[in-house]
Amino acid sequence: TISQLRQMTLDASGRANISETFNLVPAWTNNVNLPVPAIKIQNVFAQLIGVFQDVVQYSDVNNNKGRQYTVAELCRIMEDENTFSDPIDAVRWASLYK
């Protein structure tokens, strides 16, 4: 899924899709003449990967930190094609409900 997102950053329509899916503010432009700076792409990836890191760090033992779900729940959501047919939607869900 992260590799899919990485591939999407390589063209304007993919970047626009990421921007819309994750409600980025300011939105990434889909104008090929105005590419998104690498630092902005890196920041989005850092935020998304941080969601998974946070769940792993605070799962089960430290669940009193107000975490919505555990590693097991996150894996179930990410792997269940019936919950989200597009894995990127599963990543979006995880980013919203961390």
PDB file of N, CA and C in Angstrom:
ATOM      1  N   THR A   1       0.818  -1.187   0.000  1.00  0.00           N
ATOM      2  CA  THR A   1       0.000   0.000   0.000  1.00  0.00           C
ATOM      3  C   THR A   1       0.862   1.252   0.000  1.00  0.00           C
ATOM      4  N   ILE A   2       1.885   1.288   0.821  1.00  0.00           N
ATOM      5  CA  ILE A   2       2.784   2.439   0.827  1.00  0.00           C
ATOM      6  C   ILE A   2       3.495   2.535  -0.515  1.00  0.00           C
ATOM      7  N   SER A   3       3.840   1.385  -1.095  1.00  0.00           N
ATOM      8  CA  SER A   3       4.481   1.419  -2.420  1.00  0.00           C
ATOM      9  C   SER A   3       3.508   1.935  -3.479  1.00  0.00           C
ATOM     10  N   GLN A   4       2.214   1.638  -3.332  1.00  0.00           N
ATOM     11  CA  GLN A   4       1.213   2.189  -4.257  1.00  0.00           C
ATOM     12  C   GLN A   4       1.164   3.708  -4.133  1.00  0.00           C
ATOM     13  N   LEU A   5       1.169   4.188  -2.913  1.00  0.00           N
ATOM     14  CA  LEU A   5       1.152   5.635  -2.693  1.00  0.00           C
ATOM     15  C   LEU A   5       2.404   6.282  -3.277  1.00  0.00           C
ATOM     16  N   ARG A   6       3.535   5.645  -3.088  1.00  0.00           N
ATOM     17  CA  ARG A   6       4.792   6.172  -3.641  1.00  0.00           C
ATOM     18  C   ARG A   6       4.690   6.276  -5.155  1.00  0.00           C
ATOM     19  N   GLN A   7       4.162   5.248  -5.790  1.00  0.00           N
ATOM     20  CA  GLN A   7       4.001   5.257  -7.246  1.00  0.00           C
ATOM     21  C   GLN A   7       3.070   6.394  -7.674  1.00  0.00           C
ATOM     22  N   MET A   8       2.038   6.645  -6.889  1.00  0.00           N
ATOM     23  CA  MET A   8       1.085   7.704  -7.223  1.00  0.00           C
ATOM     24  C   MET A   8       1.717   9.093  -7.180  1.00  0.00           C
ATOM     25  N   THR A   9       2.779   9.258  -6.411  1.00  0.00           N
ATOM     26  CA  THR A   9       3.423  10.575  -6.329  1.00  0.00           C
ATOM     27  C   THR A   9       4.187  10.920  -7.597  1.00  0.00           C
ATOM     28  N   LEU A  10       4.359   9.965  -8.481  1.00  0.00           N
ATOM     29  CA  LEU A  10       5.183  10.181  -9.668  1.00  0.00           C
ATOM     30  C   LEU A  10       4.473  10.906 -10.798  1.00  0.00           C
ATOM     31  N   ASP A  11       3.154  11.030 -10.728  1.00  0.00           N
ATOM     32  CA  ASP A  11       2.463  11.797 -11.774  1.00  0.00           C
ATOM     33  C   ASP A  11       1.401  12.700 -11.159  1.00  0.00           C
ATOM     34  N   ALA A  12       1.012  13.692 -11.928  1.00  0.00           N
ATOM     35  CA  ALA A  12       0.103  14.734 -11.433  1.00  0.00           C
ATOM     36  C   ALA A  12      -1.244  14.171 -10.992  1.00  0.00           C
ATOM     37  N   SER A  13      -1.810  13.238 -11.753  1.00  0.00           N
ATOM     38  CA  SER A  13      -3.128  12.709 -11.378  1.00  0.00           C
ATOM     39  C   SER A  13      -3.046  11.880 -10.100  1.00  0.00           C
ATOM     40  N   GLY A  14      -1.963  11.147  -9.920  1.00  0.00           N
ATOM     41  CA  GLY A  14      -1.776  10.378  -8.691  1.00  0.00           C
ATOM     42  C   GLY A  14      -1.629  11.284  -7.481  1.00  0.00           C
ATOM     43  N   ARG A  15      -0.861  12.360  -7.640  1.00  0.00           N
ATOM     44  CA  ARG A  15      -0.703  13.317  -6.543  1.00  0.00           C
ATOM     45  C   ARG A  15      -2.036  13.974  -6.200  1.00  0.00           C
ATOM     46  N   ALA A  16      -2.822  14.294  -7.225  1.00  0.00           N
ATOM     47  CA  ALA A  16      -4.143  14.890  -6.983  1.00  0.00           C
ATOM     48  C   ALA A  16      -5.036  13.901  -6.227  1.00  0.00           C
ATOM     49  N   ASN A  17      -4.937  12.612  -6.575  1.00  0.00           N
ATOM     50  CA  ASN A  17      -5.716  11.577  -5.897  1.00  0.00           C
ATOM     51  C   ASN A  17      -5.321  11.489  -4.421  1.00  0.00           C
ATOM     52  N   ILE A  18      -4.022  11.515  -4.137  1.00  0.00           N
ATOM     53  CA  ILE A  18      -3.553  11.483  -2.747  1.00  0.00           C
ATOM     54  C   ILE A  18      -4.071  12.706  -2.001  1.00  0.00           C
ATOM     55  N   SER A  19      -3.960  13.858  -2.641  1.00  0.00           N
ATOM     56  CA  SER A  19      -4.401  15.106  -2.020  1.00  0.00           C
ATOM     57  C   SER A  19      -5.875  15.051  -1.656  1.00  0.00           C
ATOM     58  N   GLU A  20      -6.681  14.528  -2.565  1.00  0.00           N
ATOM     59  CA  GLU A  20      -8.124  14.433  -2.322  1.00  0.00           C
ATOM     60  C   GLU A  20      -8.447  13.374  -1.269  1.00  0.00           C
ATOM     61  N   THR A  21      -7.807  12.217  -1.381  1.00  0.00           N
ATOM     62  CA  THR A  21      -8.079  11.115  -0.454  1.00  0.00           C
ATOM     63  C   THR A  21      -7.780  11.497   0.991  1.00  0.00           C
ATOM     64  N   PHE A  22      -6.661  12.195   1.193  1.00  0.00           N
ATOM     65  CA  PHE A  22      -6.236  12.530   2.549  1.00  0.00           C
ATOM     66  C   PHE A  22      -6.560  13.974   2.937  1.00  0.00           C
ATOM     67  N   ASN A  23      -7.353  14.646   2.093  1.00  0.00           N
ATOM     68  CA  ASN A  23      -7.786  16.026   2.376  1.00  0.00           C
ATOM     69  C   ASN A  23      -6.622  16.930   2.764  1.00  0.00           C
ATOM     70  N   LEU A  24      -5.581  16.929   1.940  1.00  0.00           N
ATOM     71  CA  LEU A  24      -4.397  17.723   2.255  1.00  0.00           C
ATOM     72  C   LEU A  24      -4.686  19.213   2.157  1.00  0.00           C
ATOM     73  N   VAL A  25      -4.167  19.953   3.124  1.00  0.00           N
ATOM     74  CA  VAL A  25      -4.312  21.410   3.135  1.00  0.00           C
ATOM     75  C   VAL A  25      -2.933  22.006   3.366  1.00  0.00           C
ATOM     76  N   PRO A  26      -2.417  22.779   2.424  1.00  0.00           N
ATOM     77  CA  PRO A  26      -3.031  23.101   1.137  1.00  0.00           C
ATOM     78  C   PRO A  26      -2.997  21.882   0.220  1.00  0.00           C
ATOM     79  N   ALA A  27      -3.968  21.837  -0.661  1.00  0.00           N
ATOM     80  CA  ALA A  27      -4.081  20.703  -1.585  1.00  0.00           C
ATOM     81  C   ALA A  27      -2.883  20.672  -2.530  1.00  0.00           C
ATOM     82  N   TRP A  28      -2.487  19.462  -2.903  1.00  0.00           N
ATOM     83  CA  TRP A  28      -1.445  19.314  -3.917  1.00  0.00           C
ATOM     84  C   TRP A  28      -2.068  19.613  -5.267  1.00  0.00           C
ATOM     85  N   THR A  29      -1.387  20.361  -6.049  1.00  0.00           N
ATOM     86  CA  THR A  29      -1.879  20.700  -7.377  1.00  0.00           C
ATOM     87  C   THR A  29      -1.694  19.526  -8.336  1.00  0.00           C
ATOM     88  N   ASN A  30      -2.576  19.417  -9.314  1.00  0.00           N
ATOM     89  CA  ASN A  30      -2.382  18.393 -10.349  1.00  0.00           C
ATOM     90  C   ASN A  30      -1.825  19.027 -11.616  1.00  0.00           C
ATOM     91  N   ASN A  31      -1.338  20.260 -11.488  1.00  0.00           N
ATOM     92  CA  ASN A  31      -0.711  20.958 -12.604  1.00  0.00           C
ATOM     93  C   ASN A  31       0.707  20.420 -12.782  1.00  0.00           C
ATOM     94  N   VAL A  32       0.981  19.822 -13.941  1.00  0.00           N
ATOM     95  CA  VAL A  32       2.300  19.230 -14.176  1.00  0.00           C
ATOM     96  C   VAL A  32       3.398  20.277 -14.190  1.00  0.00           C
ATOM     97  N   ASN A  33       3.046  21.531 -14.410  1.00  0.00           N
ATOM     98  CA  ASN A  33       4.040  22.599 -14.418  1.00  0.00           C
ATOM     99  C   ASN A  33       4.371  23.101 -13.011  1.00  0.00           C
ATOM    100  N   LEU A  34       3.607  22.665 -12.025  1.00  0.00           N
ATOM    101  CA  LEU A  34       3.849  23.036 -10.628  1.00  0.00           C
ATOM    102  C   LEU A  34       3.979  21.773  -9.779  1.00  0.00           C
ATOM    103  N   PRO A  35       5.111  21.088  -9.869  1.00  0.00           N
ATOM    104  CA  PRO A  35       5.261  19.840  -9.118  1.00  0.00           C
ATOM    105  C   PRO A  35       5.257  20.085  -7.609  1.00  0.00           C
ATOM    106  N   VAL A  36       4.861  19.070  -6.878  1.00  0.00           N
ATOM    107  CA  VAL A  36       4.845  19.134  -5.417  1.00  0.00           C
ATOM    108  C   VAL A  36       6.286  18.983  -4.926  1.00  0.00           C
ATOM    109  N   PRO A  37       6.740  19.890  -4.061  1.00  0.00           N
ATOM    110  CA  PRO A  37       8.106  19.760  -3.536  1.00  0.00           C
ATOM    111  C   PRO A  37       8.289  18.437  -2.787  1.00  0.00           C
ATOM    112  N   ALA A  38       9.467  17.861  -2.918  1.00  0.00           N
ATOM    113  CA  ALA A  38       9.765  16.571  -2.286  1.00  0.00           C
ATOM    114  C   ALA A  38       9.525  16.610  -0.783  1.00  0.00           C
ATOM    115  N   ILE A  39       9.813  17.727  -0.145  1.00  0.00           N
ATOM    116  CA  ILE A  39       9.636  17.820   1.306  1.00  0.00           C
ATOM    117  C   ILE A  39       8.170  17.650   1.701  1.00  0.00           C
ATOM    118  N   LYS A  40       7.251  18.107   0.866  1.00  0.00           N
ATOM    119  CA  LYS A  40       5.823  17.936   1.160  1.00  0.00           C
ATOM    120  C   LYS A  40       5.413  16.475   1.015  1.00  0.00           C
ATOM    121  N   ILE A  41       5.951  15.810   0.013  1.00  0.00           N
ATOM    122  CA  ILE A  41       5.672  14.380  -0.168  1.00  0.00           C
ATOM    123  C   ILE A  41       6.238  13.596   1.011  1.00  0.00           C
ATOM    124  N   GLN A  42       7.462  13.920   1.408  1.00  0.00           N
ATOM    125  CA  GLN A  42       8.082  13.244   2.545  1.00  0.00           C
ATOM    126  C   GLN A  42       7.270  13.454   3.819  1.00  0.00           C
ATOM    127  N   ASN A  43       6.748  14.648   4.005  1.00  0.00           N
ATOM    128  CA  ASN A  43       5.962  14.942   5.201  1.00  0.00           C
ATOM    129  C   ASN A  43       4.693  14.086   5.257  1.00  0.00           C
ATOM    130  N   VAL A  44       4.005  13.956   4.134  1.00  0.00           N
ATOM    131  CA  VAL A  44       2.791  13.134   4.106  1.00  0.00           C
ATOM    132  C   VAL A  44       3.129  11.680   4.428  1.00  0.00           C
ATOM    133  N   PHE A  45       4.198  11.160   3.835  1.00  0.00           N
ATOM    134  CA  PHE A  45       4.588   9.780   4.116  1.00  0.00           C
ATOM    135  C   PHE A  45       4.991   9.604   5.580  1.00  0.00           C
ATOM    136  N   ALA A  46       5.684  10.574   6.132  1.00  0.00           N
ATOM    137  CA  ALA A  46       6.072  10.494   7.543  1.00  0.00           C
ATOM    138  C   ALA A  46       4.836  10.452   8.434  1.00  0.00           C
ATOM    139  N   GLN A  47       3.842  11.258   8.117  1.00  0.00           N
ATOM    140  CA  GLN A  47       2.607  11.272   8.899  1.00  0.00           C
ATOM    141  C   GLN A  47       1.873   9.932   8.808  1.00  0.00           C
ATOM    142  N   LEU A  48       1.796   9.382   7.599  1.00  0.00           N
ATOM    143  CA  LEU A  48       1.086   8.110   7.418  1.00  0.00           C
ATOM    144  C   LEU A  48       1.815   6.961   8.096  1.00  0.00           C
ATOM    145  N   ILE A  49       3.114   6.899   7.941  1.00  0.00           N
ATOM    146  CA  ILE A  49       3.883   5.830   8.582  1.00  0.00           C
ATOM    147  C   ILE A  49       3.827   5.987  10.097  1.00  0.00           C
ATOM    148  N   GLY A  50       3.776   7.228  10.561  1.00  0.00           N
ATOM    149  CA  GLY A  50       3.666   7.490  11.992  1.00  0.00           C
ATOM    150  C   GLY A  50       2.409   6.897  12.604  1.00  0.00           C
ATOM    151  N   VAL A  51       1.345   6.834  11.825  1.00  0.00           N
ATOM    152  CA  VAL A  51       0.102   6.219  12.308  1.00  0.00           C
ATOM    153  C   VAL A  51       0.360   4.767  12.697  1.00  0.00           C
ATOM    154  N   PHE A  52       1.052   4.040  11.833  1.00  0.00           N
ATOM    155  CA  PHE A  52       1.341   2.630  12.095  1.00  0.00           C
ATOM    156  C   PHE A  52       2.316   2.490  13.266  1.00  0.00           C
ATOM    157  N   GLN A  53       3.306   3.363  13.325  1.00  0.00           N
ATOM    158  CA  GLN A  53       4.256   3.326  14.434  1.00  0.00           C
ATOM    159  C   GLN A  53       3.545   3.556  15.763  1.00  0.00           C
ATOM    160  N   ASP A  54       2.638   4.494  15.787  1.00  0.00           N
ATOM    161  CA  ASP A  54       1.902   4.824  17.001  1.00  0.00           C
ATOM    162  C   ASP A  54       1.067   3.645  17.488  1.00  0.00           C
ATOM    163  N   VAL A  55       0.398   2.985  16.563  1.00  0.00           N
ATOM    164  CA  VAL A  55      -0.430   1.832  16.936  1.00  0.00           C
ATOM    165  C   VAL A  55       0.438   0.727  17.514  1.00  0.00           C
ATOM    166  N   VAL A  56       1.571   0.459  16.881  1.00  0.00           N
ATOM    167  CA  VAL A  56       2.453  -0.600  17.366  1.00  0.00           C
ATOM    168  C   VAL A  56       3.000  -0.247  18.748  1.00  0.00           C
ATOM    169  N   GLN A  57       3.424   0.986  18.921  1.00  0.00           N
ATOM    170  CA  GLN A  57       4.019   1.386  20.195  1.00  0.00           C
ATOM    171  C   GLN A  57       3.026   1.327  21.345  1.00  0.00           C
ATOM    172  N   TYR A  58       1.795   1.719  21.090  1.00  0.00           N
ATOM    173  CA  TYR A  58       0.834   1.841  22.187  1.00  0.00           C
ATOM    174  C   TYR A  58      -0.256   0.777  22.174  1.00  0.00           C
ATOM    175  N   SER A  59      -0.066  -0.288  21.426  1.00  0.00           N
ATOM    176  CA  SER A  59      -1.064  -1.345  21.353  1.00  0.00           C
ATOM    177  C   SER A  59      -1.073  -2.191  22.626  1.00  0.00           C
ATOM    178  N   ASP A  60      -2.251  -2.658  22.972  1.00  0.00           N
ATOM    179  CA  ASP A  60      -2.469  -3.595  24.078  1.00  0.00           C
ATOM    180  C   ASP A  60      -1.960  -3.108  25.435  1.00  0.00           C
ATOM    181  N   VAL A  61      -0.667  -3.176  25.672  1.00  0.00           N
ATOM    182  CA  VAL A  61      -0.131  -2.893  26.997  1.00  0.00           C
ATOM    183  C   VAL A  61      -0.424  -1.462  27.432  1.00  0.00           C
ATOM    184  N   ASN A  62      -0.288  -0.543  26.514  1.00  0.00           N
ATOM    185  CA  ASN A  62      -0.474   0.867  26.848  1.00  0.00           C
ATOM    186  C   ASN A  62      -1.770   1.415  26.267  1.00  0.00           C
ATOM    187  N   ASN A  63      -2.776   0.596  26.183  1.00  0.00           N
ATOM    188  CA  ASN A  63      -4.015   1.011  25.526  1.00  0.00           C
ATOM    189  C   ASN A  63      -4.774   2.085  26.301  1.00  0.00           C
ATOM    190  N   ASN A  64      -4.330   2.404  27.497  1.00  0.00           N
ATOM    191  CA  ASN A  64      -4.975   3.468  28.262  1.00  0.00           C
ATOM    192  C   ASN A  64      -4.604   4.850  27.727  1.00  0.00           C
ATOM    193  N   LYS A  65      -3.793   4.905  26.691  1.00  0.00           N
ATOM    194  CA  LYS A  65      -3.384   6.175  26.093  1.00  0.00           C
ATOM    195  C   LYS A  65      -4.470   6.734  25.184  1.00  0.00           C
ATOM    196  N   GLY A  66      -5.627   6.105  25.152  1.00  0.00           N
ATOM    197  CA  GLY A  66      -6.726   6.605  24.335  1.00  0.00           C
ATOM    198  C   GLY A  66      -6.687   6.114  22.896  1.00  0.00           C
ATOM    199  N   ARG A  67      -5.951   5.068  22.638  1.00  0.00           N
ATOM    200  CA  ARG A  67      -5.859   4.545  21.278  1.00  0.00           C
ATOM    201  C   ARG A  67      -7.178   3.891  20.898  1.00  0.00           C
ATOM    202  N   GLN A  68      -7.578   4.115  19.662  1.00  0.00           N
ATOM    203  CA  GLN A  68      -8.842   3.576  19.170  1.00  0.00           C
ATOM    204  C   GLN A  68      -8.745   2.080  18.878  1.00  0.00           C
ATOM    205  N   TYR A  69      -7.568   1.603  18.508  1.00  0.00           N
ATOM    206  CA  TYR A  69      -7.461   0.209  18.110  1.00  0.00           C
ATOM    207  C   TYR A  69      -6.053  -0.310  18.352  1.00  0.00           C
ATOM    208  N   THR A  70      -5.926  -1.631  18.267  1.00  0.00           N
ATOM    209  CA  THR A  70      -4.666  -2.321  18.526  1.00  0.00           C
ATOM    210  C   THR A  70      -4.042  -2.765  17.211  1.00  0.00           C
ATOM    211  N   VAL A  71      -2.868  -3.372  17.305  1.00  0.00           N
ATOM    212  CA  VAL A  71      -2.200  -3.910  16.118  1.00  0.00           C
ATOM    213  C   VAL A  71      -3.096  -4.933  15.436  1.00  0.00           C
ATOM    214  N   ALA A  72      -3.710  -5.798  16.221  1.00  0.00           N
ATOM    215  CA  ALA A  72      -4.583  -6.826  15.641  1.00  0.00           C
ATOM    216  C   ALA A  72      -5.729  -6.195  14.858  1.00  0.00           C
ATOM    217  N   GLU A  73      -6.339  -5.151  15.418  1.00  0.00           N
ATOM    218  CA  GLU A  73      -7.441  -4.473  14.739  1.00  0.00           C
ATOM    219  C   GLU A  73      -6.954  -3.776  13.469  1.00  0.00           C
ATOM    220  N   LEU A  74      -5.810  -3.114  13.553  1.00  0.00           N
ATOM    221  CA  LEU A  74      -5.255  -2.440  12.379  1.00  0.00           C
ATOM    222  C   LEU A  74      -4.951  -3.451  11.270  1.00  0.00           C
ATOM    223  N   CYS A  75      -4.344  -4.570  11.620  1.00  0.00           N
ATOM    224  CA  CYS A  75      -4.045  -5.605  10.622  1.00  0.00           C
ATOM    225  C   CYS A  75      -5.326  -6.160  10.009  1.00  0.00           C
ATOM    226  N   ARG A  76      -6.336  -6.375  10.836  1.00  0.00           N
ATOM    227  CA  ARG A  76      -7.599  -6.894  10.319  1.00  0.00           C
ATOM    228  C   ARG A  76      -8.176  -5.936   9.285  1.00  0.00           C
ATOM    229  N   ILE A  77      -8.192  -4.656   9.588  1.00  0.00           N
ATOM    230  CA  ILE A  77      -8.724  -3.658   8.660  1.00  0.00           C
ATOM    231  C   ILE A  77      -7.888  -3.599   7.384  1.00  0.00           C
ATOM    232  N   MET A  78      -6.572  -3.597   7.534  1.00  0.00           N
ATOM    233  CA  MET A  78      -5.691  -3.460   6.369  1.00  0.00           C
ATOM    234  C   MET A  78      -5.767  -4.683   5.450  1.00  0.00           C
ATOM    235  N   GLU A  79      -6.029  -5.855   6.006  1.00  0.00           N
ATOM    236  CA  GLU A  79      -6.022  -7.081   5.218  1.00  0.00           C
ATOM    237  C   GLU A  79      -7.393  -7.504   4.716  1.00  0.00           C
ATOM    238  N   ASP A  80      -8.455  -6.957   5.255  1.00  0.00           N
ATOM    239  CA  ASP A  80      -9.812  -7.368   4.895  1.00  0.00           C
ATOM    240  C   ASP A  80     -10.306  -6.597   3.674  1.00  0.00           C
ATOM    241  N   GLU A  81     -10.325  -7.255   2.527  1.00  0.00           N
ATOM    242  CA  GLU A  81     -10.751  -6.602   1.288  1.00  0.00           C
ATOM    243  C   GLU A  81     -12.238  -6.264   1.293  1.00  0.00           C
ATOM    244  N   ASN A  82     -13.017  -6.884   2.175  1.00  0.00           N
ATOM    245  CA  ASN A  82     -14.442  -6.569   2.252  1.00  0.00           C
ATOM    246  C   ASN A  82     -14.698  -5.255   2.985  1.00  0.00           C
ATOM    247  N   THR A  83     -13.768  -4.857   3.851  1.00  0.00           N
ATOM    248  CA  THR A  83     -13.930  -3.599   4.574  1.00  0.00           C
ATOM    249  C   THR A  83     -13.586  -2.425   3.671  1.00  0.00           C
ATOM    250  N   PHE A  84     -12.434  -2.505   3.013  1.00  0.00           N
ATOM    251  CA  PHE A  84     -11.996  -1.470   2.071  1.00  0.00           C
ATOM    252  C   PHE A  84     -11.475  -2.165   0.827  1.00  0.00           C
ATOM    253  N   SER A  85     -12.137  -1.948  -0.297  1.00  0.00           N
ATOM    254  CA  SER A  85     -11.692  -2.597  -1.533  1.00  0.00           C
ATOM    255  C   SER A  85     -10.382  -1.999  -2.027  1.00  0.00           C
ATOM    256  N   ASP A  86     -10.130  -0.736  -1.710  1.00  0.00           N
ATOM    257  CA  ASP A  86      -8.885  -0.081  -2.097  1.00  0.00           C
ATOM    258  C   ASP A  86      -8.020   0.066  -0.846  1.00  0.00           C
ATOM    259  N   PRO A  87      -6.822  -0.521  -0.842  1.00  0.00           N
ATOM    260  CA  PRO A  87      -5.966  -0.444   0.345  1.00  0.00           C
ATOM    261  C   PRO A  87      -5.653   0.989   0.772  1.00  0.00           C
ATOM    262  N   ILE A  88      -5.658   1.914  -0.163  1.00  0.00           N
ATOM    263  CA  ILE A  88      -5.378   3.306   0.178  1.00  0.00           C
ATOM    264  C   ILE A  88      -6.496   3.868   1.055  1.00  0.00           C
ATOM    265  N   ASP A  89      -7.719   3.407   0.845  1.00  0.00           N
ATOM    266  CA  ASP A  89      -8.817   3.819   1.722  1.00  0.00           C
ATOM    267  C   ASP A  89      -8.613   3.285   3.140  1.00  0.00           C
ATOM    268  N   ALA A  90      -8.008   2.099   3.246  1.00  0.00           N
ATOM    269  CA  ALA A  90      -7.704   1.551   4.568  1.00  0.00           C
ATOM    270  C   ALA A  90      -6.654   2.410   5.269  1.00  0.00           C
ATOM    271  N   VAL A  91      -5.660   2.871   4.523  1.00  0.00           N
ATOM    272  CA  VAL A  91      -4.649   3.759   5.105  1.00  0.00           C
ATOM    273  C   VAL A  91      -5.305   5.065   5.544  1.00  0.00           C
ATOM    274  N   ARG A  92      -6.212   5.576   4.727  1.00  0.00           N
ATOM    275  CA  ARG A  92      -6.927   6.809   5.092  1.00  0.00           C
ATOM    276  C   ARG A  92      -7.705   6.594   6.393  1.00  0.00           C
ATOM    277  N   TRP A  93      -8.398   5.457   6.493  1.00  0.00           N
ATOM    278  CA  TRP A  93      -9.141   5.150   7.710  1.00  0.00           C
ATOM    279  C   TRP A  93      -8.202   5.163   8.918  1.00  0.00           C
ATOM    280  N   ALA A  94      -7.069   4.496   8.771  1.00  0.00           N
ATOM    281  CA  ALA A  94      -6.112   4.430   9.879  1.00  0.00           C
ATOM    282  C   ALA A  94      -5.625   5.822  10.263  1.00  0.00           C
ATOM    283  N   SER A  95      -5.419   6.675   9.278  1.00  0.00           N
ATOM    284  CA  SER A  95      -4.920   8.021   9.577  1.00  0.00           C
ATOM    285  C   SER A  95      -5.976   8.876  10.269  1.00  0.00           C
ATOM    286  N   LEU A  96      -7.239   8.605  10.014  1.00  0.00           N
ATOM    287  CA  LEU A  96      -8.312   9.386  10.629  1.00  0.00           C
ATOM    288  C   LEU A  96      -8.641   8.930  12.043  1.00  0.00           C
ATOM    289  N   TYR A  97      -8.468   7.646  12.323  1.00  0.00           N
ATOM    290  CA  TYR A  97      -8.901   7.080  13.598  1.00  0.00           C
ATOM    291  C   TYR A  97      -7.751   6.606  14.459  1.00  0.00           C
ATOM    292  N   LYS A  98      -6.624   7.269  14.365  1.00  0.00           N
ATOM    293  CA  LYS A  98      -5.467   6.871  15.178  1.00  0.00           C
ATOM    294  C   LYS A  98      -5.637   7.217  16.624  1.00  0.00           C
TER     295      LYS A  98
END
